[in-house]
C-alpha atoms as a PDB file:
ATOM      1  CA  MET A   1     125.206  87.768 140.737  1.00  0.00           C
ATOM      2  CA  GLY A   2     124.266  87.191 137.005  1.00  0.00           C
ATOM      3  CA  GLN A   3     127.174  86.729 134.669  1.00  0.00           C
ATOM      4  CA  ALA A   4     129.730  87.130 137.552  1.00  0.00           C
ATOM      5  CA  LYS A   5     129.031  83.504 138.091  1.00  0.00           C
ATOM      6  CA  GLN A   6     130.860  82.720 134.917  1.00  0.00           C
ATOM      7  CA  ILE A   7     134.279  83.944 136.489  1.00  0.00           C
ATOM      8  CA  ARG A   8     136.500  81.084 137.585  1.00  0.00           C
ATOM      9  CA  LEU A   9     139.677  81.449 140.182  1.00  0.00           C
ATOM     10  CA  ALA A  10     142.934  79.760 140.174  1.00  0.00           C
ATOM     11  CA  PRO A  11     146.214  80.026 141.982  1.00  0.00           C
ATOM     12  CA  ILE A  12     148.776  81.575 139.420  1.00  0.00           C
ATOM     13  CA  ALA A  13     152.360  82.606 139.383  1.00  0.00           C
ATOM     14  CA  LYS A  14     153.430  85.841 141.247  1.00  0.00           C
ATOM     15  CA  LYS A  15     155.169  86.956 137.920  1.00  0.00           C
ATOM     16  CA  ASP A  16     152.068  86.576 136.049  1.00  0.00           C
ATOM     17  CA  ALA A  17     149.926  88.159 138.750  1.00  0.00           C
ATOM     18  CA  ASP A  18     152.429  91.234 138.604  1.00  0.00           C
ATOM     19  CA  ALA A  19     152.051  91.654 134.877  1.00  0.00           C
ATOM     20  CA  LEU A  20     148.319  91.877 135.115  1.00  0.00           C
ATOM     21  CA  ILE A  21     148.533  94.347 137.999  1.00  0.00           C
ATOM     22  CA  THR A  22     150.908  96.203 136.262  1.00  0.00           C
ATOM     23  CA  ARG A  23     148.823  96.534 133.335  1.00  0.00           C
ATOM     24  CA  LEU A  24     145.337  96.826 135.088  1.00  0.00           C
ATOM     25  CA  HIS A  25     145.954  98.649 138.564  1.00  0.00           C
ATOM     26  CA  TYR A  26     145.458 102.449 138.657  1.00  0.00           C
ATOM     27  CA  SER A  27     148.731 102.418 140.355  1.00  0.00           C
ATOM     28  CA  HIS A  28     150.532 100.038 138.116  1.00  0.00           C
ATOM     29  CA  LYS A  29     152.582  99.105 140.975  1.00  0.00           C
ATOM     30  CA  THR A  30     153.181  95.555 142.618  1.00  0.00           C
ATOM     31  CA  ILE A  31     153.990  94.614 146.087  1.00  0.00           C
ATOM     32  CA  ASN A  32     157.322  92.769 146.512  1.00  0.00           C
ATOM     33  CA  ASN A  33     156.414  90.694 149.436  1.00  0.00           C
ATOM     34  CA  ALA A  34     153.262  89.123 148.529  1.00  0.00           C
ATOM     35  CA  PHE A  35     153.319  85.500 148.112  1.00  0.00           C
ATOM     36  CA  LEU A  36     150.075  84.206 147.248  1.00  0.00           C
ATOM     37  CA  ALA A  37     148.601  85.319 143.624  1.00  0.00           C
ATOM     38  CA  VAL A  38     145.117  84.435 142.538  1.00  0.00           C
ATOM     39  CA  GLY A  39     144.280  84.792 138.912  1.00  0.00           C
ATOM     40  CA  VAL A  40     140.590  85.603 137.986  1.00  0.00           C
ATOM     41  CA  PHE A  41     139.517  84.139 134.474  1.00  0.00           C
ATOM     42  CA  ILE A  42     136.693  84.418 132.114  1.00  0.00           C
ATOM     43  CA  GLY A  43     136.251  82.024 128.872  1.00  0.00           C
ATOM     44  CA  GLY A  44     139.586  80.856 130.128  1.00  0.00           C
ATOM     45  CA  ARG A  45     141.410  84.240 129.793  1.00  0.00           C
ATOM     46  CA  PRO A  46     143.019  85.782 132.790  1.00  0.00           C
ATOM     47  CA  GLU A  47     141.415  89.273 133.309  1.00  0.00           C
ATOM     48  CA  GLY A  48     142.281  89.959 136.996  1.00  0.00           C
ATOM     49  CA  ALA A  49     144.483  89.230 139.855  1.00  0.00           C
ATOM     50  CA  MET A  50     144.529  89.326 143.555  1.00  0.00           C
ATOM     51  CA  THR A  51     147.810  89.150 145.639  1.00  0.00           C
ATOM     52  CA  PHE A  52     148.041  88.531 149.262  1.00  0.00           C
ATOM     53  CA  GLY A  53     151.126  88.686 151.720  1.00  0.00           C
ATOM     54  CA  PRO A  54     152.209  90.366 155.020  1.00  0.00           C
ATOM     55  CA  SER A  55     151.510  93.664 155.745  1.00  0.00           C
ATOM     56  CA  MET A  56     154.220  96.602 155.502  1.00  0.00           C
ATOM     57  CA  ASP A  57     153.089  97.720 158.987  1.00  0.00           C
ATOM     58  CA  LYS A  58     152.900  94.161 160.349  1.00  0.00           C
ATOM     59  CA  SER A  59     153.738  94.952 163.983  1.00  0.00           C
ATOM     60  CA  ASN A  60     151.148  97.545 164.410  1.00  0.00           C
ATOM     61  CA  ILE A  61     148.233  95.700 162.532  1.00  0.00           C
ATOM     62  CA  LEU A  62     148.736  92.548 164.536  1.00  0.00           C
ATOM     63  CA  GLY A  63     147.422  94.053 167.660  1.00  0.00           C
ATOM     64  CA  LEU A  64     143.956  94.934 166.050  1.00  0.00           C
ATOM     65  CA  VAL A  65     142.975  91.164 166.923  1.00  0.00           C
ATOM     66  CA  ARG A  66     144.278  90.013 170.476  1.00  0.00           C
ATOM     67  CA  ASP A  67     146.434  86.819 170.415  1.00  0.00           C
ATOM     68  CA  THR A  68     146.931  86.407 166.915  1.00  0.00           C
ATOM     69  CA  ALA A  69     150.154  84.699 165.846  1.00  0.00           C
ATOM     70  CA  TRP A  70     152.746  86.434 163.821  1.00  0.00           C
ATOM     71  CA  ASN A  71     151.744  84.359 160.642  1.00  0.00           C
ATOM     72  CA  GLY A  72     148.175  84.260 161.671  1.00  0.00           C
ATOM     73  CA  PHE A  73     146.715  86.869 159.220  1.00  0.00           C
ATOM     74  CA  LEU A  74     147.525  88.332 155.696  1.00  0.00           C
ATOM     75  CA  GLU A  75     146.898  91.427 153.650  1.00  0.00           C
ATOM     76  CA  LEU A  76     145.205  91.717 150.500  1.00  0.00           C
ATOM     77  CA  ASN A  77     147.529  94.296 148.771  1.00  0.00           C
ATOM     78  CA  ARG A  78     146.296  94.444 145.288  1.00  0.00           C
ATOM     79  CA  LEU A  79     143.105  93.559 143.587  1.00  0.00           C
ATOM     80  CA  ALA A  80     143.226  94.430 139.866  1.00  0.00           C
ATOM     81  CA  PHE A  81     140.188  93.661 137.400  1.00  0.00           C
ATOM     82  CA  SER A  82     139.902  94.277 133.789  1.00  0.00           C
ATOM     83  CA  ALA A  83     136.929  96.026 132.277  1.00  0.00           C
ATOM     84  CA  ALA A  84     136.010  92.328 130.424  1.00  0.00           C
ATOM     85  CA  LEU A  85     134.730  90.895 133.609  1.00  0.00           C
ATOM     86  CA  PRO A  86     131.117  90.993 134.381  1.00  0.00           C
ATOM     87  CA  ARG A  87     129.651  93.410 137.167  1.00  0.00           C
ATOM     88  CA  ASN A  88     129.968  92.236 140.540  1.00  0.00           C
ATOM     89  CA  SER A  89     133.195  90.059 139.655  1.00  0.00           C
ATOM     90  CA  GLU A  90     135.093  91.807 142.473  1.00  0.00           C
ATOM     91  CA  SER A  91     132.915  90.835 145.314  1.00  0.00           C
ATOM     92  CA  ARG A  92     132.321  87.495 143.893  1.00  0.00           C
ATOM     93  CA  ALA A  93     135.876  86.687 143.461  1.00  0.00           C
ATOM     94  CA  LEU A  94     137.240  88.107 146.702  1.00  0.00           C
ATOM     95  CA  SER A  95     134.631  86.122 148.647  1.00  0.00           C
ATOM     96  CA  ILE A  96     135.882  82.720 146.853  1.00  0.00           C
ATOM     97  CA  ALA A  97     139.365  83.640 147.288  1.00  0.00           C
ATOM     98  CA  LEU A  98     138.809  84.132 150.967  1.00  0.00           C
ATOM     99  CA  ARG A  99     137.268  80.593 151.007  1.00  0.00           C
ATOM    100  CA  MET A 100     140.290  79.080 149.370  1.00  0.00           C
ATOM    101  CA  ILE A 101     142.344  80.784 151.766  1.00  0.00           C
ATOM    102  CA  LYS A 102     140.345  79.566 154.697  1.00  0.00           C
ATOM    103  CA  LYS A 103     140.690  75.919 153.186  1.00  0.00           C
ATOM    104  CA  HIS A 104     144.075  75.763 152.319  1.00  0.00           C
ATOM    105  CA  TYR A 105     145.859  77.691 155.026  1.00  0.00           C
ATOM    106  CA  PRO A 106     143.880  77.035 158.363  1.00  0.00           C
ATOM    107  CA  HIS A 107     146.269  78.975 160.301  1.00  0.00           C
ATOM    108  CA  ILE A 108     145.223  82.222 158.679  1.00  0.00           C
ATOM    109  CA  GLU A 109     142.700  83.776 160.957  1.00  0.00           C
ATOM    110  CA  TRP A 110     141.673  87.137 159.359  1.00  0.00           C
ATOM    111  CA  VAL A 111     142.786  89.296 155.885  1.00  0.00           C
ATOM    112  CA  ILE A 112     142.971  92.758 156.020  1.00  0.00           C
ATOM    113  CA  SER A 113     142.798  95.363 153.303  1.00  0.00           C
ATOM    114  CA  PHE A 114     142.951  98.870 152.643  1.00  0.00           C
ATOM    115  CA  ALA A 115     140.490 100.481 150.301  1.00  0.00           C
ATOM    116  CA  ASP A 116     141.512 103.578 148.435  1.00  0.00           C
ATOM    117  CA  GLY A 117     138.757 106.019 148.355  1.00  0.00           C
ATOM    118  CA  CYS A 118     140.960 108.757 146.989  1.00  0.00           C
ATOM    119  CA  GLN A 119     141.479 107.181 143.375  1.00  0.00           C
ATOM    120  CA  CYS A 120     139.163 104.052 143.264  1.00  0.00           C
ATOM    121  CA  GLY A 121     136.286 103.365 145.368  1.00  0.00           C
ATOM    122  CA  GLY A 122     134.500 103.304 148.574  1.00  0.00           C
ATOM    123  CA  ALA A 123     134.866  99.813 149.833  1.00  0.00           C
ATOM    124  CA  THR A 124     131.820  98.802 147.923  1.00  0.00           C
ATOM    125  CA  ILE A 125     133.025  95.266 147.220  1.00  0.00           C
ATOM    126  CA  TYR A 126     134.026  94.717 150.574  1.00  0.00           C
ATOM    127  CA  ARG A 127     130.299  95.571 151.760  1.00  0.00           C
ATOM    128  CA  ALA A 128     129.099  93.113 149.362  1.00  0.00           C
ATOM    129  CA  SER A 129     131.534  90.487 150.603  1.00  0.00           C
ATOM    130  CA  GLY A 130     130.500  90.695 154.274  1.00  0.00           C
ATOM    131  CA  VAL A 131     133.811  92.290 154.996  1.00  0.00           C
ATOM    132  CA  THR A 132     133.987  94.197 158.484  1.00  0.00           C
ATOM    133  CA  LEU A 133     134.766  97.825 158.112  1.00  0.00           C
ATOM    134  CA  THR A 134     137.347  98.672 161.049  1.00  0.00           C
ATOM    135  CA  GLY A 135     138.735 102.053 159.982  1.00  0.00           C
ATOM    136  CA  LEU A 136     137.739 105.099 158.036  1.00  0.00           C
ATOM    137  CA  LYS A 137     140.035 108.112 158.141  1.00  0.00           C
ATOM    138  CA  LEU A 138     141.148 111.149 156.016  1.00  0.00           C
ATOM    139  CA  ASN A 139     143.986 110.398 153.658  1.00  0.00           C
ATOM    140  CA  LYS A 140     147.358 111.332 154.824  1.00  0.00           C
ATOM    141  CA  SER A 141     149.454 108.559 153.146  1.00  0.00           C
ATOM    142  CA  LEU A 142     148.756 108.533 149.601  1.00  0.00           C
ATOM    143  CA  LEU A 143     150.933 111.547 148.114  1.00  0.00           C
ATOM    144  CA  ARG A 144     150.947 112.976 144.570  1.00  0.00           C
ATOM    145  CA  LEU A 145     154.596 113.600 143.361  1.00  0.00           C
ATOM    146  CA  PRO A 146     155.639 116.552 141.296  1.00  0.00           C
ATOM    147  CA  ASP A 147     155.756 114.334 138.243  1.00  0.00           C
ATOM    148  CA  GLY A 148     152.232 113.475 138.609  1.00  0.00           C
ATOM    149  CA  SER A 149     152.787 109.733 139.964  1.00  0.00           C
ATOM    150  CA  VAL A 150     151.145 108.278 143.211  1.00  0.00           C
ATOM    151  CA  THR A 151     153.046 106.775 146.235  1.00  0.00           C
ATOM    152  CA  HIS A 152     152.270 105.600 149.450  1.00  0.00           C
ATOM    153  CA  LYS A 153     154.398 107.443 152.679  1.00  0.00           C
ATOM    154  CA  MET A 154     155.867 104.068 153.691  1.00  0.00           C
ATOM    155  CA  THR A 155     157.790 103.750 150.483  1.00  0.00           C
ATOM    156  CA  GLN A 156     159.565 106.643 151.762  1.00  0.00           C
ATOM    157  CA  VAL A 157     160.224 105.260 155.044  1.00  0.00           C
ATOM    158  CA  THR A 158     160.590 101.725 154.588  1.00  0.00           C
ATOM    159  CA  GLY A 159     163.584  99.524 153.388  1.00  0.00           C
ATOM    160  CA  LYS A 160     166.685 101.282 151.966  1.00  0.00           C
ATOM    161  CA  ASN A 161     164.983 104.586 152.006  1.00  0.00           C
ATOM    162  CA  ARG A 162     164.449 104.675 155.898  1.00  0.00           C
ATOM    163  CA  VAL A 163     168.082 105.527 156.908  1.00  0.00           C
ATOM    164  CA  ALA A 164     168.652 108.191 154.318  1.00  0.00           C
ATOM    165  CA  HIS A 165     165.279 109.799 154.877  1.00  0.00           C
ATOM    166  CA  PHE A 166     165.301 109.876 158.562  1.00  0.00           C
ATOM    167  CA  ALA A 167     169.176 111.096 158.591  1.00  0.00           C
ATOM    168  CA  LYS A 168     167.850 113.913 156.574  1.00  0.00           C
ATOM    169  CA  THR A 169     165.075 114.784 158.749  1.00  0.00           C
ATOM    170  CA  GLY A 170     166.626 114.446 162.050  1.00  0.00           C
ATOM    171  CA  GLY A 171     164.432 111.098 162.624  1.00  0.00           C
ATOM    172  CA  SER A 172     161.043 112.173 161.697  1.00  0.00           C
ATOM    173  CA  TRP A 173     159.016 111.401 158.537  1.00  0.00           C
ATOM    174  CA  SER A 174     158.631 114.649 155.964  1.00  0.00           C
ATOM    175  CA  GLY A 175     156.465 113.415 153.460  1.00  0.00           C
ATOM    176  CA  GLN A 176     157.163 114.506 149.933  1.00  0.00           C
ATOM    177  CA  GLY A 177     154.093 115.142 147.936  1.00  0.00           C
ATOM    178  CA  THR A 178     150.652 116.696 147.956  1.00  0.00           C
ATOM    179  CA  PRO A 179     148.062 114.176 149.924  1.00  0.00           C
ATOM    180  CA  LEU A 180     145.455 113.225 147.821  1.00  0.00           C
ATOM    181  CA  ASP A 181     141.900 114.247 148.455  1.00  0.00           C
ATOM    182  CA  GLY A 182     139.756 111.578 149.916  1.00  0.00           C
ATOM    183  CA  TYR A 183     139.385 108.903 152.569  1.00  0.00           C
ATOM    184  CA  GLN A 184     141.134 105.736 153.098  1.00  0.00           C
ATOM    185  CA  MET A 185     139.261 102.210 154.709  1.00  0.00           C
ATOM    186  CA  ARG A 186     140.657  99.428 156.614  1.00  0.00           C
ATOM    187  CA  CYS A 187     138.615  96.431 156.133  1.00  0.00           C
ATOM    188  CA  ILE A 188     138.818  92.933 157.818  1.00  0.00           C
ATOM    189  CA  TYR A 189     137.295  89.742 156.805  1.00  0.00           C
ATOM    190  CA  PHE A 190     137.506  87.132 159.643  1.00  0.00           C
ATOM    191  CA  LEU A 191     138.057  83.569 158.456  1.00  0.00           C
ATOM    192  CA  ASN A 192     138.000  82.312 162.092  1.00  0.00           C
ATOM    193  CA  LEU A 193     134.860  83.465 164.194  1.00  0.00           C
ATOM    194  CA  GLU A 194     136.817  83.184 167.452  1.00  0.00           C
ATOM    195  CA  ALA A 195     139.235  85.684 166.169  1.00  0.00           C
ATOM    196  CA  ARG A 196     136.308  88.103 165.545  1.00  0.00           C
ATOM    197  CA  ALA A 197     135.625  88.054 169.239  1.00  0.00           C
ATOM    198  CA  ARG A 198     139.003  89.007 169.900  1.00  0.00           C
ATOM    199  CA  PHE A 199     138.911  92.257 167.528  1.00  0.00           C
ATOM    200  CA  VAL A 200     139.985  95.249 169.612  1.00  0.00           C
ATOM    201  CA  PRO A 201     138.732  98.476 167.888  1.00  0.00           C
ATOM    202  CA  GLN A 202     135.071  99.005 167.221  1.00  0.00           C
ATOM    203  CA  GLU A 203     133.264  98.074 164.342  1.00  0.00           C
ATOM    204  CA  ILE A 204     132.265 101.133 161.750  1.00  0.00           C
ATOM    205  CA  PRO A 205     129.011 100.727 160.030  1.00  0.00           C
ATOM    206  CA  TYR A 206     129.243 101.182 156.270  1.00  0.00           C
ATOM    207  CA  ALA A 207     126.568 104.010 156.490  1.00  0.00           C
ATOM    208  CA  GLU A 208     129.104 106.228 157.943  1.00  0.00           C
ATOM    209  CA  ILE A 209     130.950 106.211 154.452  1.00  0.00           C
ATOM    210  CA  ASP A 210     128.338 107.921 153.144  1.00  0.00           C
ATOM    211  CA  ARG A 211     127.635 110.086 155.973  1.00  0.00           C
ATOM    212  CA  ARG A 212     131.080 111.594 155.664  1.00  0.00           C
ATOM    213  CA  GLY A 213     130.784 111.834 151.660  1.00  0.00           C
ATOM    214  CA  ALA A 214     133.758 109.412 151.736  1.00  0.00           C
ATOM    215  CA  GLY A 215     132.296 107.295 148.671  1.00  0.00           C
ATOM    216  CA  MET A 216     133.961 107.323 145.588  1.00  0.00           C
ATOM    217  CA  HIS A 217     133.636 105.507 142.167  1.00  0.00           C
ATOM    218  CA  ARG A 218     136.412 104.864 139.423  1.00  0.00           C
ATOM    219  CA  GLY A 219     137.938 108.193 140.903  1.00  0.00           C
ATOM    220  CA  ILE A 220     135.019 110.537 141.115  1.00  0.00           C
ATOM    221  CA  ALA A 221     133.834 111.617 144.430  1.00  0.00           C
ATOM    222  CA  ARG A 222     130.267 110.887 145.512  1.00  0.00           C
ATOM    223  CA  GLY A 223     128.058 112.984 147.833  1.00  0.00           C
ATOM    224  CA  LYS A 224     129.458 116.282 148.976  1.00  0.00           C
ATOM    225  CA  GLN A 225     130.780 118.730 146.635  1.00  0.00           C
ATOM    226  CA  ALA A 226     132.913 120.674 149.068  1.00  0.00           C
ATOM    227  CA  MET A 227     134.456 117.664 150.372  1.00  0.00           C
ATOM    228  CA  ALA A 228     137.831 118.668 148.912  1.00  0.00           C
ATOM    229  CA  ASP A 229     137.983 122.023 150.761  1.00  0.00           C
ATOM    230  CA  ASP A 230     136.803 120.291 153.840  1.00  0.00           C
ATOM    231  CA  GLN A 231     139.477 117.674 153.804  1.00  0.00           C
ATOM    232  CA  SER A 232     142.101 120.293 153.401  1.00  0.00           C
ATOM    233  CA  ALA A 233     140.957 122.381 156.200  1.00  0.00           C
ATOM    234  CA  GLN A 234     140.986 119.295 158.386  1.00  0.00           C
ATOM    235  CA  ARG A 235     144.537 118.114 157.124  1.00  0.00           C
ATOM    236  CA  ARG A 236     145.854 121.845 158.079  1.00  0.00           C
ATOM    237  CA  GLY A 237     144.566 121.389 161.503  1.00  0.00           C
ATOM    238  CA  SER A 238     145.745 118.114 162.471  1.00  0.00           C
ATOM    239  CA  GLY A 239     147.958 117.443 165.248  1.00  0.00           C
ATOM    240  CA  ASP A 240     149.766 114.630 163.495  1.00  0.00           C
ATOM    241  CA  ARG A 241     153.194 115.468 163.238  1.00  0.00           C
ATOM    242  CA  HIS A 242     153.650 112.838 160.520  1.00  0.00           C
ATOM    243  CA  ALA A 243     150.856 114.198 158.438  1.00  0.00           C
ATOM    244  CA  PRO A 244     151.610 116.098 155.289  1.00  0.00           C
ATOM    245  CA  VAL A 245     150.389 119.608 155.029  1.00  0.00           C
END
């Protein structure tokens, strides 16, 4: 772990976490309903932040673990670190933050996160933190808009956008933008081992990421050179009526 042991974590104000995330996260976007913010410090300087809160698709995600209370899980919805932090800081910080949640919020049984294998990485930090890989799918949700920005399809169908969008499309989702090439990974860390026994889907070995050529580092795909063409063909052949084409 080396120099990563020098980092320190502490709760911080949401507005301070949002300022760091806006500056450091590749999306430059924050999550409004996040309510738990943790700062990552080195030498007394804040150089990273993580925010946790309820999932946007909470009712569906709740069913991943049987008998989970409505407030029994959280989503890690943003993790943003600067280059000033030592190597392996992400996995160490995540492990510490999860232990903090387990200690101070005993009703939280598990924490879910979605690793973006289209722009950032291939769940490397989750693998190093002992997190369970529970989903690996071709991206159909992250879209590049004509102005070059990237958005998630949920931002087009939730909140104030939902009624107007569905009225325009006759009740179906018609995504605007081009899906990014790559994969998305769903990971769960079980704070309560009893919850682990109630997990419904089958766990996916991390080796599957490499087998599918789904790995990425800092936005550059690893492995299969023809991955983009293969993904485009898969997406065109999808039977999902909500999938962008």
